[in-house]
Amino acid sequence: MIVEEMLSIHSMLVNIFLGFLLLGFSIPLFTSKNPLRFKKASFIYTMTFQALATMIAFSGIVAVFTGDLGWEITTIIMFGIWAVMMYIEIQKHKMIKVANLNDNETFKILKLGFIKISIVQLLLLAIMMVIMLLKAKGVISI
């Protein structure tokens, strides 16, 4: 019973995270003329990103251990994707934090980089979701 609840919570958090990633595309658009607002919004985005990603990882790990599910290939892939996404997000935040956003060219490059990184993170999450859906339907068995 508890395993099903944890997996349900994990799934719900992943869907919330997916929506959050999609919402993140609006940050460069809404802050297109104000570098300071972009920096602040990016900081809030990064902190929320890390909080959601950590909740997802925690709920998944709890499900693995309480359900004695074991460390299957898909679980290891999920953990790897989580680590890559966290690393990318931290590096993006560091880059925006130290950049001279008053320079218009730097500001444009960082906004474009924010969008590109968001696309990569969205693709990583989508790939994992597709793998898990195919596994749940019995199409693949990893």
N, C-alpha and C. Protein backbone atom coordinates (compact mmCIF):
# COMPACT_ATOMS: atom_id res chain seq x y z
N MET A 1 0.82 -1.19 0.00
CA MET A 1 0.00 0.00 0.00
C MET A 1 0.86 1.26 0.00
N ILE A 2 1.87 1.32 0.87
CA ILE A 2 2.70 2.52 0.95
C ILE A 2 3.53 2.71 -0.32
N VAL A 3 3.93 1.62 -0.96
CA VAL A 3 4.72 1.72 -2.19
C VAL A 3 3.89 2.36 -3.29
N GLU A 4 2.64 1.95 -3.42
CA GLU A 4 1.77 2.52 -4.44
C GLU A 4 1.56 4.01 -4.19
N GLU A 5 1.40 4.38 -2.91
CA GLU A 5 1.23 5.79 -2.57
C GLU A 5 2.49 6.58 -2.90
N MET A 6 3.64 6.05 -2.58
CA MET A 6 4.90 6.76 -2.88
C MET A 6 5.12 6.88 -4.38
N LEU A 7 4.80 5.83 -5.12
CA LEU A 7 4.94 5.90 -6.58
C LEU A 7 3.95 6.90 -7.18
N SER A 8 2.77 6.98 -6.58
CA SER A 8 1.77 7.95 -7.02
C SER A 8 2.25 9.38 -6.75
N ILE A 9 2.79 9.59 -5.57
CA ILE A 9 3.34 10.91 -5.23
C ILE A 9 4.51 11.25 -6.14
N HIS A 10 5.36 10.27 -6.38
CA HIS A 10 6.51 10.46 -7.26
C HIS A 10 6.03 10.88 -8.66
N SER A 11 5.05 10.18 -9.17
CA SER A 11 4.50 10.49 -10.49
C SER A 11 3.88 11.89 -10.52
N MET A 12 3.15 12.24 -9.47
CA MET A 12 2.54 13.56 -9.40
C MET A 12 3.62 14.65 -9.38
N LEU A 13 4.67 14.43 -8.61
CA LEU A 13 5.77 15.41 -8.55
C LEU A 13 6.46 15.55 -9.90
N VAL A 14 6.62 14.46 -10.62
CA VAL A 14 7.24 14.52 -11.94
C VAL A 14 6.37 15.35 -12.88
N ASN A 15 5.06 15.17 -12.81
CA ASN A 15 4.16 15.97 -13.66
C ASN A 15 4.20 17.44 -13.28
N ILE A 16 4.26 17.74 -12.00
CA ILE A 16 4.39 19.14 -11.56
C ILE A 16 5.71 19.72 -12.07
N PHE A 17 6.76 18.92 -11.98
CA PHE A 17 8.07 19.35 -12.45
C PHE A 17 8.06 19.62 -13.95
N LEU A 18 7.37 18.78 -14.68
CA LEU A 18 7.24 18.98 -16.13
C LEU A 18 6.56 20.32 -16.40
N GLY A 19 5.48 20.60 -15.70
CA GLY A 19 4.80 21.89 -15.86
C GLY A 19 5.70 23.05 -15.46
N PHE A 20 6.48 22.87 -14.40
CA PHE A 20 7.42 23.90 -13.95
C PHE A 20 8.46 24.18 -15.03
N LEU A 21 9.00 23.12 -15.64
CA LEU A 21 9.99 23.31 -16.71
C LEU A 21 9.39 24.08 -17.88
N LEU A 22 8.16 23.74 -18.22
CA LEU A 22 7.50 24.46 -19.31
C LEU A 22 7.27 25.93 -18.95
N LEU A 23 6.89 26.18 -17.72
CA LEU A 23 6.68 27.55 -17.25
C LEU A 23 7.99 28.34 -17.26
N GLY A 24 9.10 27.66 -17.05
CA GLY A 24 10.41 28.31 -17.03
C GLY A 24 10.78 28.99 -18.33
N PHE A 25 10.19 28.56 -19.44
CA PHE A 25 10.47 29.20 -20.72
C PHE A 25 10.00 30.66 -20.74
N SER A 26 9.09 31.01 -19.84
CA SER A 26 8.57 32.37 -19.82
C SER A 26 9.52 33.36 -19.14
N ILE A 27 10.46 32.87 -18.36
CA ILE A 27 11.36 33.77 -17.64
C ILE A 27 12.14 34.69 -18.57
N PRO A 28 12.81 34.17 -19.60
CA PRO A 28 13.52 35.09 -20.50
C PRO A 28 12.57 36.04 -21.25
N LEU A 29 11.33 35.61 -21.47
CA LEU A 29 10.38 36.46 -22.19
C LEU A 29 9.88 37.60 -21.32
N PHE A 30 9.52 37.30 -20.07
CA PHE A 30 8.97 38.32 -19.18
C PHE A 30 10.04 39.26 -18.63
N THR A 31 11.27 38.87 -18.71
CA THR A 31 12.35 39.71 -18.18
C THR A 31 13.27 40.19 -19.30
N SER A 32 12.76 40.28 -20.50
CA SER A 32 13.59 40.56 -21.67
C SER A 32 14.26 41.93 -21.65
N LYS A 33 13.70 42.87 -20.91
CA LYS A 33 14.27 44.21 -20.91
C LYS A 33 14.93 44.60 -19.58
N ASN A 34 14.86 43.70 -18.60
CA ASN A 34 15.36 44.04 -17.27
C ASN A 34 16.34 42.97 -16.78
N PRO A 35 17.64 43.23 -16.90
CA PRO A 35 18.63 42.23 -16.48
C PRO A 35 18.55 41.85 -15.00
N LEU A 36 18.27 42.82 -14.13
CA LEU A 36 18.19 42.52 -12.70
C LEU A 36 17.00 41.61 -12.40
N ARG A 37 15.89 41.87 -13.06
CA ARG A 37 14.71 41.01 -12.88
C ARG A 37 15.00 39.60 -13.39
N PHE A 38 15.73 39.50 -14.51
CA PHE A 38 16.12 38.19 -15.06
C PHE A 38 16.97 37.43 -14.05
N LYS A 39 17.93 38.13 -13.43
CA LYS A 39 18.82 37.50 -12.46
C LYS A 39 18.02 37.00 -11.24
N LYS A 40 17.11 37.82 -10.75
CA LYS A 40 16.29 37.43 -9.60
C LYS A 40 15.35 36.28 -9.94
N ALA A 41 14.70 36.36 -11.09
CA ALA A 41 13.78 35.31 -11.52
C ALA A 41 14.53 34.00 -11.73
N SER A 42 15.73 34.09 -12.28
CA SER A 42 16.55 32.90 -12.50
C SER A 42 16.93 32.26 -11.17
N PHE A 43 17.25 33.09 -10.17
CA PHE A 43 17.59 32.57 -8.85
C PHE A 43 16.40 31.83 -8.23
N ILE A 44 15.23 32.44 -8.29
CA ILE A 44 14.02 31.80 -7.74
C ILE A 44 13.71 30.52 -8.50
N TYR A 45 13.88 30.56 -9.82
CA TYR A 45 13.65 29.38 -10.65
C TYR A 45 14.58 28.24 -10.23
N THR A 46 15.87 28.56 -10.05
CA THR A 46 16.86 27.54 -9.69
C THR A 46 16.55 26.93 -8.33
N MET A 47 16.18 27.75 -7.37
CA MET A 47 15.87 27.23 -6.03
C MET A 47 14.62 26.33 -6.08
N THR A 48 13.62 26.74 -6.83
CA THR A 48 12.40 25.92 -6.97
C THR A 48 12.71 24.64 -7.73
N PHE A 49 13.52 24.75 -8.78
CA PHE A 49 13.95 23.59 -9.56
C PHE A 49 14.61 22.56 -8.64
N GLN A 50 15.56 23.03 -7.83
CA GLN A 50 16.28 22.12 -6.95
C GLN A 50 15.36 21.50 -5.90
N ALA A 51 14.42 22.28 -5.38
CA ALA A 51 13.48 21.75 -4.39
C ALA A 51 12.60 20.66 -5.00
N LEU A 52 12.04 20.93 -6.17
CA LEU A 52 11.19 19.93 -6.82
C LEU A 52 11.98 18.68 -7.21
N ALA A 53 13.15 18.88 -7.78
CA ALA A 53 13.98 17.74 -8.18
C ALA A 53 14.37 16.89 -6.98
N THR A 54 14.65 17.53 -5.86
CA THR A 54 15.01 16.79 -4.65
C THR A 54 13.81 16.02 -4.11
N MET A 55 12.62 16.64 -4.15
CA MET A 55 11.41 15.92 -3.71
C MET A 55 11.16 14.70 -4.58
N ILE A 56 11.38 14.85 -5.88
CA ILE A 56 11.19 13.72 -6.80
C ILE A 56 12.17 12.60 -6.46
N ALA A 57 13.43 12.96 -6.28
CA ALA A 57 14.45 11.95 -5.95
C ALA A 57 14.14 11.28 -4.62
N PHE A 58 13.75 12.07 -3.63
CA PHE A 58 13.46 11.51 -2.31
C PHE A 58 12.27 10.55 -2.37
N SER A 59 11.20 10.95 -3.04
CA SER A 59 10.03 10.07 -3.12
C SER A 59 10.36 8.79 -3.88
N GLY A 60 11.20 8.90 -4.90
CA GLY A 60 11.61 7.71 -5.65
C GLY A 60 12.46 6.78 -4.81
N ILE A 61 13.39 7.35 -4.06
CA ILE A 61 14.26 6.51 -3.22
C ILE A 61 13.45 5.85 -2.11
N VAL A 62 12.51 6.58 -1.53
CA VAL A 62 11.66 5.99 -0.50
C VAL A 62 10.86 4.82 -1.08
N ALA A 63 10.33 5.00 -2.29
CA ALA A 63 9.57 3.92 -2.94
C ALA A 63 10.47 2.71 -3.20
N VAL A 64 11.69 2.96 -3.63
CA VAL A 64 12.62 1.85 -3.92
C VAL A 64 12.90 1.05 -2.65
N PHE A 65 13.15 1.74 -1.55
CA PHE A 65 13.53 1.04 -0.32
C PHE A 65 12.33 0.46 0.43
N THR A 66 11.21 1.17 0.46
CA THR A 66 10.06 0.62 1.18
C THR A 66 9.41 -0.53 0.41
N GLY A 67 9.49 -0.47 -0.89
CA GLY A 67 8.89 -1.53 -1.70
C GLY A 67 9.86 -2.61 -2.08
N ASP A 68 11.11 -2.46 -1.61
CA ASP A 68 12.14 -3.43 -1.95
C ASP A 68 12.16 -3.67 -3.47
N LEU A 69 12.11 -2.54 -4.22
CA LEU A 69 12.05 -2.62 -5.68
C LEU A 69 13.41 -2.90 -6.31
N GLY A 70 14.45 -2.62 -5.60
CA GLY A 70 15.79 -2.88 -6.12
C GLY A 70 16.24 -1.78 -7.07
N TRP A 71 17.50 -1.83 -7.39
CA TRP A 71 18.08 -0.83 -8.28
C TRP A 71 18.13 -1.37 -9.70
N GLU A 72 17.00 -1.29 -10.37
CA GLU A 72 16.93 -1.72 -11.77
C GLU A 72 17.64 -0.68 -12.65
N ILE A 73 17.82 -1.04 -13.90
CA ILE A 73 18.48 -0.14 -14.86
C ILE A 73 17.72 1.19 -14.94
N THR A 74 16.39 1.12 -14.98
CA THR A 74 15.61 2.36 -15.10
C THR A 74 15.78 3.25 -13.88
N THR A 75 15.89 2.66 -12.71
CA THR A 75 16.12 3.44 -11.49
C THR A 75 17.47 4.13 -11.55
N ILE A 76 18.47 3.42 -12.02
CA ILE A 76 19.81 3.99 -12.14
C ILE A 76 19.81 5.10 -13.19
N ILE A 77 19.11 4.89 -14.30
CA ILE A 77 19.01 5.92 -15.33
C ILE A 77 18.32 7.16 -14.76
N MET A 78 17.24 6.97 -14.00
CA MET A 78 16.55 8.10 -13.38
C MET A 78 17.48 8.87 -12.47
N PHE A 79 18.23 8.17 -11.66
CA PHE A 79 19.16 8.84 -10.75
C PHE A 79 20.22 9.60 -11.54
N GLY A 80 20.72 9.00 -12.61
CA GLY A 80 21.71 9.67 -13.46
C GLY A 80 21.16 10.92 -14.11
N ILE A 81 19.93 10.84 -14.61
CA ILE A 81 19.30 12.01 -15.22
C ILE A 81 19.09 13.10 -14.18
N TRP A 82 18.69 12.71 -12.97
CA TRP A 82 18.52 13.67 -11.89
C TRP A 82 19.84 14.39 -11.62
N ALA A 83 20.92 13.65 -11.53
CA ALA A 83 22.23 14.25 -11.24
C ALA A 83 22.66 15.19 -12.37
N VAL A 84 22.46 14.78 -13.60
CA VAL A 84 22.82 15.62 -14.75
C VAL A 84 21.99 16.91 -14.75
N MET A 85 20.70 16.78 -14.51
CA MET A 85 19.83 17.97 -14.51
C MET A 85 20.22 18.93 -13.38
N MET A 86 20.52 18.41 -12.21
CA MET A 86 20.93 19.27 -11.10
C MET A 86 22.26 19.96 -11.43
N TYR A 87 23.20 19.23 -11.99
CA TYR A 87 24.49 19.81 -12.35
C TYR A 87 24.30 20.93 -13.37
N ILE A 88 23.52 20.67 -14.40
CA ILE A 88 23.29 21.68 -15.43
C ILE A 88 22.65 22.92 -14.83
N GLU A 89 21.66 22.73 -13.97
CA GLU A 89 20.96 23.87 -13.37
C GLU A 89 21.89 24.68 -12.47
N ILE A 90 22.72 24.02 -11.70
CA ILE A 90 23.66 24.73 -10.83
C ILE A 90 24.66 25.53 -11.66
N GLN A 91 25.17 24.93 -12.74
CA GLN A 91 26.11 25.63 -13.61
C GLN A 91 25.45 26.84 -14.28
N LYS A 92 24.20 26.67 -14.70
CA LYS A 92 23.47 27.79 -15.32
C LYS A 92 23.33 28.93 -14.32
N HIS A 93 22.96 28.58 -13.09
CA HIS A 93 22.78 29.61 -12.06
C HIS A 93 24.09 30.34 -11.78
N LYS A 94 25.19 29.59 -11.67
CA LYS A 94 26.49 30.21 -11.42
C LYS A 94 26.86 31.17 -12.55
N MET A 95 26.59 30.75 -13.79
CA MET A 95 26.92 31.57 -14.94
C MET A 95 26.13 32.88 -14.91
N ILE A 96 24.84 32.80 -14.61
CA ILE A 96 24.01 34.00 -14.58
C ILE A 96 24.39 34.88 -13.39
N LYS A 97 24.74 34.26 -12.29
CA LYS A 97 25.08 35.00 -11.06
C LYS A 97 26.31 35.87 -11.24
N VAL A 98 27.33 35.35 -11.92
CA VAL A 98 28.60 36.10 -12.04
C VAL A 98 28.69 36.94 -13.31
N ALA A 99 27.76 36.78 -14.21
CA ALA A 99 27.83 37.49 -15.50
C ALA A 99 27.52 38.97 -15.33
N ASN A 100 28.09 39.76 -16.22
CA ASN A 100 27.79 41.19 -16.27
C ASN A 100 26.55 41.36 -17.14
N LEU A 101 25.39 41.38 -16.50
CA LEU A 101 24.14 41.45 -17.26
C LEU A 101 23.85 42.85 -17.79
N ASN A 102 24.64 43.83 -17.37
CA ASN A 102 24.46 45.17 -17.92
C ASN A 102 24.97 45.26 -19.36
N ASP A 103 25.86 44.35 -19.72
CA ASP A 103 26.32 44.26 -21.10
C ASP A 103 25.21 43.59 -21.91
N ASN A 104 24.67 44.30 -22.87
CA ASN A 104 23.52 43.84 -23.64
C ASN A 104 23.79 42.52 -24.36
N GLU A 105 24.97 42.36 -24.92
CA GLU A 105 25.31 41.13 -25.65
C GLU A 105 25.37 39.93 -24.70
N THR A 106 25.96 40.12 -23.54
CA THR A 106 26.02 39.05 -22.53
C THR A 106 24.62 38.67 -22.08
N PHE A 107 23.79 39.67 -21.87
CA PHE A 107 22.41 39.44 -21.45
C PHE A 107 21.66 38.61 -22.49
N LYS A 108 21.82 38.94 -23.77
CA LYS A 108 21.17 38.17 -24.85
C LYS A 108 21.66 36.73 -24.88
N ILE A 109 22.96 36.55 -24.74
CA ILE A 109 23.55 35.21 -24.77
C ILE A 109 23.02 34.37 -23.60
N LEU A 110 22.92 34.97 -22.42
CA LEU A 110 22.45 34.23 -21.26
C LEU A 110 20.97 33.88 -21.38
N LYS A 111 20.18 34.77 -21.92
CA LYS A 111 18.75 34.45 -22.12
C LYS A 111 18.60 33.30 -23.10
N LEU A 112 19.36 33.32 -24.18
CA LEU A 112 19.33 32.23 -25.15
C LEU A 112 19.83 30.94 -24.53
N GLY A 113 20.89 31.03 -23.72
CA GLY A 113 21.41 29.86 -23.02
C GLY A 113 20.39 29.29 -22.05
N PHE A 114 19.65 30.16 -21.37
CA PHE A 114 18.61 29.73 -20.44
C PHE A 114 17.57 28.89 -21.18
N ILE A 115 17.17 29.36 -22.34
CA ILE A 115 16.17 28.64 -23.14
C ILE A 115 16.73 27.30 -23.63
N LYS A 116 17.97 27.31 -24.12
CA LYS A 116 18.58 26.07 -24.62
C LYS A 116 18.73 25.04 -23.50
N ILE A 117 19.16 25.48 -22.34
CA ILE A 117 19.31 24.56 -21.21
C ILE A 117 17.94 24.02 -20.79
N SER A 118 16.94 24.87 -20.80
CA SER A 118 15.58 24.42 -20.46
C SER A 118 15.10 23.35 -21.44
N ILE A 119 15.43 23.51 -22.71
CA ILE A 119 15.05 22.52 -23.72
C ILE A 119 15.74 21.18 -23.42
N VAL A 120 17.04 21.23 -23.10
CA VAL A 120 17.78 20.01 -22.79
C VAL A 120 17.18 19.32 -21.57
N GLN A 121 16.87 20.10 -20.53
CA GLN A 121 16.29 19.51 -19.32
C GLN A 121 14.91 18.92 -19.60
N LEU A 122 14.13 19.60 -20.41
CA LEU A 122 12.81 19.10 -20.78
C LEU A 122 12.93 17.79 -21.56
N LEU A 123 13.89 17.72 -22.47
CA LEU A 123 14.10 16.49 -23.24
C LEU A 123 14.56 15.33 -22.34
N LEU A 124 15.44 15.62 -21.40
CA LEU A 124 15.89 14.57 -20.47
C LEU A 124 14.71 14.01 -19.67
N LEU A 125 13.86 14.91 -19.17
CA LEU A 125 12.70 14.46 -18.42
C LEU A 125 11.73 13.69 -19.31
N ALA A 126 11.51 14.18 -20.52
CA ALA A 126 10.59 13.51 -21.45
C ALA A 126 11.09 12.11 -21.82
N ILE A 127 12.38 11.98 -22.04
CA ILE A 127 12.96 10.67 -22.37
C ILE A 127 12.71 9.69 -21.23
N MET A 128 12.95 10.14 -20.01
CA MET A 128 12.74 9.25 -18.86
C MET A 128 11.27 8.89 -18.71
N MET A 129 10.39 9.85 -18.93
CA MET A 129 8.95 9.58 -18.81
C MET A 129 8.51 8.56 -19.87
N VAL A 130 9.01 8.70 -21.08
CA VAL A 130 8.66 7.75 -22.15
C VAL A 130 9.17 6.36 -21.81
N ILE A 131 10.41 6.27 -21.34
CA ILE A 131 10.96 4.96 -20.96
C ILE A 131 10.09 4.31 -19.89
N MET A 132 9.69 5.07 -18.88
CA MET A 132 8.89 4.50 -17.79
C MET A 132 7.48 4.14 -18.26
N LEU A 133 6.90 4.93 -19.15
CA LEU A 133 5.58 4.59 -19.69
C LEU A 133 5.64 3.30 -20.51
N LEU A 134 6.68 3.17 -21.34
CA LEU A 134 6.83 1.96 -22.14
C LEU A 134 7.08 0.75 -21.25
N LYS A 135 7.83 0.94 -20.17
CA LYS A 135 8.08 -0.14 -19.22
C LYS A 135 6.78 -0.55 -18.52
N ALA A 136 5.98 0.43 -18.11
CA ALA A 136 4.72 0.14 -17.42
C ALA A 136 3.73 -0.58 -18.33
N LYS A 137 3.77 -0.29 -19.63
CA LYS A 137 2.88 -0.94 -20.58
C LYS A 137 3.41 -2.29 -21.05
N GLY A 138 4.64 -2.62 -20.66
CA GLY A 138 5.21 -3.90 -21.01
C GLY A 138 5.85 -3.94 -22.38
N VAL A 139 5.99 -2.78 -23.02
CA VAL A 139 6.60 -2.71 -24.35
C VAL A 139 8.10 -2.98 -24.27
N ILE A 140 8.74 -2.46 -23.24
CA ILE A 140 10.16 -2.72 -23.03
C ILE A 140 10.35 -3.33 -21.65
N SER A 141 11.44 -4.02 -21.48
CA SER A 141 11.69 -4.64 -20.17
C SER A 141 13.14 -4.41 -19.78
N ILE A 142 13.39 -3.22 -19.26
CA ILE A 142 14.74 -2.92 -18.76
C ILE A 142 14.69 -2.82 -17.27
